[in-house]
Structure formats: C-alpha cells, structure tokens
Amino acid sequence: MITNWKEIAKQVGSLNKNSSESGGDSYGRAALETILGDQWIQEAVEHILSFQAGSEVALDCLRILHSEKAVRYAYQVYKSSTGERAERAVFIIKQVAHPVAYQWVEEFLNDSNVIETGLGVLDQLLWTEQIRYNEQVEALLQLALAKSNNLLAERVNFIREYRK
C-alpha cells in the first residue's frame, strides 16, 4: 500500500497553509483512522460484538487508535440493540475511553441493562484523564448509586477515593 502522506496530513489538519506541520499522537491516530477507513473500524467493532476469535486484538487496536469513530459506531449499536449486544457495545465504549463518550454516561446510568458498564465508562474516562473530576461527575456518581439502589456503592467509593 502506498500512502500519500501529504494528503493524509491535509485531511487530519497537521499540514498548515504555510507548509509548516503540527505533530502529535492525535494526528497520528487520525491518520491511521483515515488510512484504515470507516469500514475497517465498523468491522472491528462488529467482530468484537460477535465474540469471534481475535476479538481481543481487535479491541486492542481500537484502544490504541483511541477511535472516536469506533465509539460513535458502538453507541449507534447500543441505541439499536438490547440485552448482551447493547451491553457489549457499551463495553467497547468503556475500553476505548474516548472523551466523546462522557455525553452518554447519564443515559447509560439510567439504563438498568448497562448501568454497571456505564459506570465503568465514567471510571475509565477519569482513570485515563480524559475528563476531570468535578460537580457533574459527582452528580453522575450519585445517579449511579440511586439507580442501582446502592449496589454500586463500593465501585463509586473506589472512584471517589482514587480521584482525591
């Protein structure tokens, strides 16, 4: 495969109009997402959802890419699914831990099917420092406690403790 790096740099925004370049992991990840393409990302998500052999390495790839496209696709799957498939989609969102997922945490915590994994999304976003602990996060932890009838209290307390 021959890659037109100049075109990729333009697409991901690292090549400036004055021909200077910006660098960093986020540009590299965006470039890899562009090279691999939407279909590859969706197929990786579907492979993980189906529990096929190689699911772990597919998940590892998405985690390394830190792919917003993957979490958005997984969220679409969550919205259109029920049961184990919906829960597995939220699991992928948790593992990739892209900050865009923060906007869905409240929805996950209000869904008894995925509440525990939804709390895991919040936990992972905090742990990987994609978001900061603040009043909104505390409100989400309170919601997790209320919606789980305090069954998630140990996990909530663990999150509160390590964020201090």
C-alpha atoms as a PDB file:
ATOM      1  CA  MET A   1       0.000   0.000   0.000  1.00  0.00           C
ATOM      2  CA  ILE A   2       1.340   3.393  -0.973  1.00  0.00           C
ATOM      3  CA  THR A   3       0.276   6.246   1.289  1.00  0.00           C
ATOM      4  CA  ASN A   4       0.069   9.851   0.171  1.00  0.00           C
ATOM      5  CA  TRP A   5       1.280  11.345   3.442  1.00  0.00           C
ATOM      6  CA  LYS A   6       0.879  14.912   2.269  1.00  0.00           C
ATOM      7  CA  GLU A   7      -2.808  14.310   1.515  1.00  0.00           C
ATOM      8  CA  ILE A   8      -3.288  12.482   4.826  1.00  0.00           C
ATOM      9  CA  ALA A   9      -1.607  15.395   6.654  1.00  0.00           C
ATOM     10  CA  LYS A  10      -4.001  17.811   4.967  1.00  0.00           C
ATOM     11  CA  GLN A  11      -7.014  15.655   5.860  1.00  0.00           C
ATOM     12  CA  VAL A  12      -6.117  15.400   9.545  1.00  0.00           C
ATOM     13  CA  GLY A  13      -5.141  19.073   9.806  1.00  0.00           C
ATOM     14  CA  SER A  14      -1.460  18.679  10.612  1.00  0.00           C
ATOM     15  CA  LEU A  15      -0.243  20.397   7.454  1.00  0.00           C
ATOM     16  CA  ASN A  16      -0.670  24.145   7.719  1.00  0.00           C
ATOM     17  CA  LYS A  17      -1.252  26.535   4.812  1.00  0.00           C
ATOM     18  CA  ASN A  18       2.302  27.870   5.136  1.00  0.00           C
ATOM     19  CA  SER A  19       3.619  24.279   4.732  1.00  0.00           C
ATOM     20  CA  SER A  20       4.645  24.025   8.378  1.00  0.00           C
ATOM     21  CA  GLU A  21       3.428  20.935  10.196  1.00  0.00           C
ATOM     22  CA  SER A  22       1.991  20.137  13.578  1.00  0.00           C
ATOM     23  CA  GLY A  23       2.595  16.765  15.165  1.00  0.00           C
ATOM     24  CA  GLY A  24       1.413  14.586  17.982  1.00  0.00           C
ATOM     25  CA  ASP A  25      -0.396  11.388  18.814  1.00  0.00           C
ATOM     26  CA  SER A  26      -3.802  12.811  17.949  1.00  0.00           C
ATOM     27  CA  TYR A  27      -2.688  13.487  14.366  1.00  0.00           C
ATOM     28  CA  GLY A  28      -1.169  10.029  14.092  1.00  0.00           C
ATOM     29  CA  ARG A  29      -4.348   8.410  15.355  1.00  0.00           C
ATOM     30  CA  ALA A  30      -6.482  10.457  12.979  1.00  0.00           C
ATOM     31  CA  ALA A  31      -4.177   9.484  10.107  1.00  0.00           C
ATOM     32  CA  LEU A  32      -4.441   5.809  10.970  1.00  0.00           C
ATOM     33  CA  GLU A  33      -8.237   6.067  11.160  1.00  0.00           C
ATOM     34  CA  THR A  34      -8.209   7.685   7.719  1.00  0.00           C
ATOM     35  CA  ILE A  35      -5.908   5.035   6.260  1.00  0.00           C
ATOM     36  CA  LEU A  36      -7.860   2.151   7.787  1.00  0.00           C
ATOM     37  CA  GLY A  37     -11.218   3.678   6.885  1.00  0.00           C
ATOM     38  CA  ASP A  38     -14.706   3.662   8.352  1.00  0.00           C
ATOM     39  CA  GLN A  39     -15.496   0.158   7.111  1.00  0.00           C
ATOM     40  CA  TRP A  40     -12.457  -1.303   8.870  1.00  0.00           C
ATOM     41  CA  ILE A  41     -13.431   0.413  12.128  1.00  0.00           C
ATOM     42  CA  GLN A  42     -17.050  -0.759  11.909  1.00  0.00           C
ATOM     43  CA  GLU A  43     -15.951  -4.306  11.090  1.00  0.00           C
ATOM     44  CA  ALA A  44     -13.607  -4.279  14.088  1.00  0.00           C
ATOM     45  CA  VAL A  45     -16.488  -3.202  16.352  1.00  0.00           C
ATOM     46  CA  GLU A  46     -18.772  -5.873  14.880  1.00  0.00           C
ATOM     47  CA  HIS A  47     -16.046  -8.507  15.323  1.00  0.00           C
ATOM     48  CA  ILE A  48     -15.760  -7.626  19.000  1.00  0.00           C
ATOM     49  CA  LEU A  49     -19.534  -7.630  19.421  1.00  0.00           C
ATOM     50  CA  SER A  50     -19.740 -11.135  17.967  1.00  0.00           C
ATOM     51  CA  PHE A  51     -17.138 -12.610  20.380  1.00  0.00           C
ATOM     52  CA  GLN A  52     -15.230 -14.132  17.462  1.00  0.00           C
ATOM     53  CA  ALA A  53     -11.649 -15.323  17.776  1.00  0.00           C
ATOM     54  CA  GLY A  54      -9.403 -12.286  17.548  1.00  0.00           C
ATOM     55  CA  SER A  55     -11.825 -10.008  19.394  1.00  0.00           C
ATOM     56  CA  GLU A  56      -9.203  -9.058  21.961  1.00  0.00           C
ATOM     57  CA  VAL A  57      -6.666  -7.957  19.367  1.00  0.00           C
ATOM     58  CA  ALA A  58      -9.392  -6.016  17.523  1.00  0.00           C
ATOM     59  CA  LEU A  59     -10.240  -4.270  20.799  1.00  0.00           C
ATOM     60  CA  ASP A  60      -6.557  -3.586  21.432  1.00  0.00           C
ATOM     61  CA  CYS A  61      -6.310  -1.910  18.008  1.00  0.00           C
ATOM     62  CA  LEU A  62      -9.334   0.293  18.685  1.00  0.00           C
ATOM     63  CA  ARG A  63      -7.940   1.179  22.102  1.00  0.00           C
ATOM     64  CA  ILE A  64      -4.594   2.194  20.579  1.00  0.00           C
ATOM     65  CA  LEU A  65      -6.396   4.249  17.926  1.00  0.00           C
ATOM     66  CA  HIS A  66      -8.466   5.850  20.679  1.00  0.00           C
ATOM     67  CA  SER A  67     -11.056   5.961  17.947  1.00  0.00           C
ATOM     68  CA  GLU A  68     -13.920   8.413  18.153  1.00  0.00           C
ATOM     69  CA  LYS A  69     -15.420   6.734  15.086  1.00  0.00           C
ATOM     70  CA  ALA A  70     -15.391   3.385  16.882  1.00  0.00           C
ATOM     71  CA  VAL A  71     -17.147   4.712  19.991  1.00  0.00           C
ATOM     72  CA  ARG A  72     -19.717   6.567  17.905  1.00  0.00           C
ATOM     73  CA  TYR A  73     -20.438   3.384  15.946  1.00  0.00           C
ATOM     74  CA  ALA A  74     -20.624   1.367  19.174  1.00  0.00           C
ATOM     75  CA  TYR A  75     -23.056   3.952  20.543  1.00  0.00           C
ATOM     76  CA  GLN A  76     -25.259   3.508  17.452  1.00  0.00           C
ATOM     77  CA  VAL A  77     -25.191  -0.228  18.103  1.00  0.00           C
ATOM     78  CA  TYR A  78     -26.143   0.372  21.754  1.00  0.00           C
ATOM     79  CA  LYS A  79     -29.080   2.581  20.712  1.00  0.00           C
ATOM     80  CA  SER A  80     -30.403  -0.003  18.250  1.00  0.00           C
ATOM     81  CA  SER A  81     -29.829  -3.118  20.366  1.00  0.00           C
ATOM     82  CA  THR A  82     -30.933  -4.763  23.572  1.00  0.00           C
ATOM     83  CA  GLY A  83     -29.504  -7.234  26.043  1.00  0.00           C
ATOM     84  CA  GLU A  84     -25.995  -8.548  25.689  1.00  0.00           C
ATOM     85  CA  ARG A  85     -25.282  -6.803  22.379  1.00  0.00           C
ATOM     86  CA  ALA A  86     -26.146  -3.399  23.866  1.00  0.00           C
ATOM     87  CA  GLU A  87     -24.047  -4.131  26.954  1.00  0.00           C
ATOM     88  CA  ARG A  88     -21.116  -5.269  24.810  1.00  0.00           C
ATOM     89  CA  ALA A  89     -21.334  -2.050  22.762  1.00  0.00           C
ATOM     90  CA  VAL A  90     -21.028  -0.008  25.968  1.00  0.00           C
ATOM     91  CA  PHE A  91     -18.102  -2.235  26.985  1.00  0.00           C
ATOM     92  CA  ILE A  92     -16.310  -1.219  23.770  1.00  0.00           C
ATOM     93  CA  ILE A  93     -17.024   2.439  24.542  1.00  0.00           C
ATOM     94  CA  LYS A  94     -15.537   1.922  28.001  1.00  0.00           C
ATOM     95  CA  GLN A  95     -12.411   0.228  26.687  1.00  0.00           C
ATOM     96  CA  VAL A  96     -11.669   2.837  24.011  1.00  0.00           C
ATOM     97  CA  ALA A  97     -12.348   5.638  26.531  1.00  0.00           C
ATOM     98  CA  HIS A  98     -12.727   8.464  24.046  1.00  0.00           C
ATOM     99  CA  PRO A  99     -13.907  11.666  25.796  1.00  0.00           C
ATOM    100  CA  VAL A 100     -16.920  11.967  23.468  1.00  0.00           C
ATOM    101  CA  ALA A 101     -18.440   9.111  25.498  1.00  0.00           C
ATOM    102  CA  TYR A 102     -18.871  11.386  28.516  1.00  0.00           C
ATOM    103  CA  GLN A 103     -22.019  12.828  26.945  1.00  0.00           C
ATOM    104  CA  TRP A 104     -23.661   9.370  27.057  1.00  0.00           C
ATOM    105  CA  VAL A 105     -22.798   8.368  30.633  1.00  0.00           C
ATOM    106  CA  GLU A 106     -26.044   9.663  32.143  1.00  0.00           C
ATOM    107  CA  GLU A 107     -28.029   7.687  29.573  1.00  0.00           C
ATOM    108  CA  PHE A 108     -26.063   4.536  30.418  1.00  0.00           C
ATOM    109  CA  LEU A 109     -26.627   5.053  34.149  1.00  0.00           C
ATOM    110  CA  ASN A 110     -30.367   5.342  33.534  1.00  0.00           C
ATOM    111  CA  ASP A 111     -30.401   2.021  31.654  1.00  0.00           C
ATOM    112  CA  SER A 112     -30.598  -0.937  34.041  1.00  0.00           C
ATOM    113  CA  ASN A 113     -29.189  -3.211  31.329  1.00  0.00           C
ATOM    114  CA  VAL A 114     -25.882  -1.311  31.129  1.00  0.00           C
ATOM    115  CA  ILE A 115     -25.679   0.688  34.375  1.00  0.00           C
ATOM    116  CA  GLU A 116     -22.634  -1.130  35.698  1.00  0.00           C
ATOM    117  CA  THR A 117     -20.745  -0.869  32.422  1.00  0.00           C
ATOM    118  CA  GLY A 118     -21.922   2.737  32.117  1.00  0.00           C
ATOM    119  CA  LEU A 119     -20.299   3.464  35.470  1.00  0.00           C
ATOM    120  CA  GLY A 120     -17.232   1.740  34.042  1.00  0.00           C
ATOM    121  CA  VAL A 121     -17.230   4.245  31.172  1.00  0.00           C
ATOM    122  CA  LEU A 122     -17.152   7.109  33.664  1.00  0.00           C
ATOM    123  CA  ASP A 123     -14.454   5.354  35.685  1.00  0.00           C
ATOM    124  CA  GLN A 124     -12.282   4.751  32.612  1.00  0.00           C
ATOM    125  CA  LEU A 125     -12.653   8.333  31.384  1.00  0.00           C
ATOM    126  CA  LEU A 126     -11.486   9.565  34.780  1.00  0.00           C
ATOM    127  CA  TRP A 127      -8.705   6.984  35.109  1.00  0.00           C
ATOM    128  CA  THR A 128      -7.262   7.807  31.683  1.00  0.00           C
ATOM    129  CA  GLU A 129      -7.627  11.528  32.457  1.00  0.00           C
ATOM    130  CA  GLN A 130      -9.936  12.144  29.516  1.00  0.00           C
ATOM    131  CA  ILE A 131     -12.200  14.109  31.866  1.00  0.00           C
ATOM    132  CA  ARG A 132     -11.690  15.791  35.226  1.00  0.00           C
ATOM    133  CA  TYR A 133     -13.487  15.036  38.438  1.00  0.00           C
ATOM    134  CA  ASN A 134     -15.987  17.860  39.010  1.00  0.00           C
ATOM    135  CA  GLU A 135     -19.514  18.521  40.271  1.00  0.00           C
ATOM    136  CA  GLN A 136     -21.071  16.935  37.183  1.00  0.00           C
ATOM    137  CA  VAL A 137     -19.066  13.761  37.722  1.00  0.00           C
ATOM    138  CA  GLU A 138     -20.146  13.697  41.355  1.00  0.00           C
ATOM    139  CA  ALA A 139     -23.776  14.072  40.236  1.00  0.00           C
ATOM    140  CA  LEU A 140     -23.305  11.089  37.907  1.00  0.00           C
ATOM    141  CA  LEU A 141     -21.861   9.037  40.768  1.00  0.00           C
ATOM    142  CA  GLN A 142     -24.903   9.965  42.870  1.00  0.00           C
ATOM    143  CA  LEU A 143     -27.141   8.885  39.986  1.00  0.00           C
ATOM    144  CA  ALA A 144     -25.326   5.543  39.785  1.00  0.00           C
ATOM    145  CA  LEU A 145     -25.945   4.997  43.489  1.00  0.00           C
ATOM    146  CA  ALA A 146     -29.620   5.938  43.243  1.00  0.00           C
ATOM    147  CA  LYS A 147     -30.348   3.900  40.106  1.00  0.00           C
ATOM    148  CA  SER A 148     -28.548   0.835  41.468  1.00  0.00           C
ATOM    149  CA  ASN A 149     -30.154   1.061  44.920  1.00  0.00           C
ATOM    150  CA  ASN A 150     -26.611   1.434  46.288  1.00  0.00           C
ATOM    151  CA  LEU A 151     -25.484  -1.860  44.751  1.00  0.00           C
ATOM    152  CA  LEU A 152     -22.659   0.040  43.054  1.00  0.00           C
ATOM    153  CA  ALA A 153     -21.598   1.825  46.264  1.00  0.00           C
ATOM    154  CA  GLU A 154     -18.271   0.008  46.550  1.00  0.00           C
ATOM    155  CA  ARG A 155     -17.328   0.923  42.986  1.00  0.00           C
ATOM    156  CA  VAL A 156     -18.482   4.527  43.407  1.00  0.00           C
ATOM    157  CA  ASN A 157     -16.437   4.851  46.610  1.00  0.00           C
ATOM    158  CA  PHE A 158     -13.400   3.391  44.847  1.00  0.00           C
ATOM    159  CA  ILE A 159     -13.721   6.013  42.084  1.00  0.00           C
ATOM    160  CA  ARG A 160     -14.076   8.808  44.630  1.00  0.00           C
ATOM    161  CA  GLU A 161     -11.045   7.616  46.566  1.00  0.00           C
ATOM    162  CA  TYR A 162      -8.591   7.331  43.687  1.00  0.00           C
ATOM    163  CA  ARG A 163      -9.582  10.753  42.343  1.00  0.00           C
ATOM    164  CA  LYS A 164      -8.571  12.527  45.564  1.00  0.00           C
END
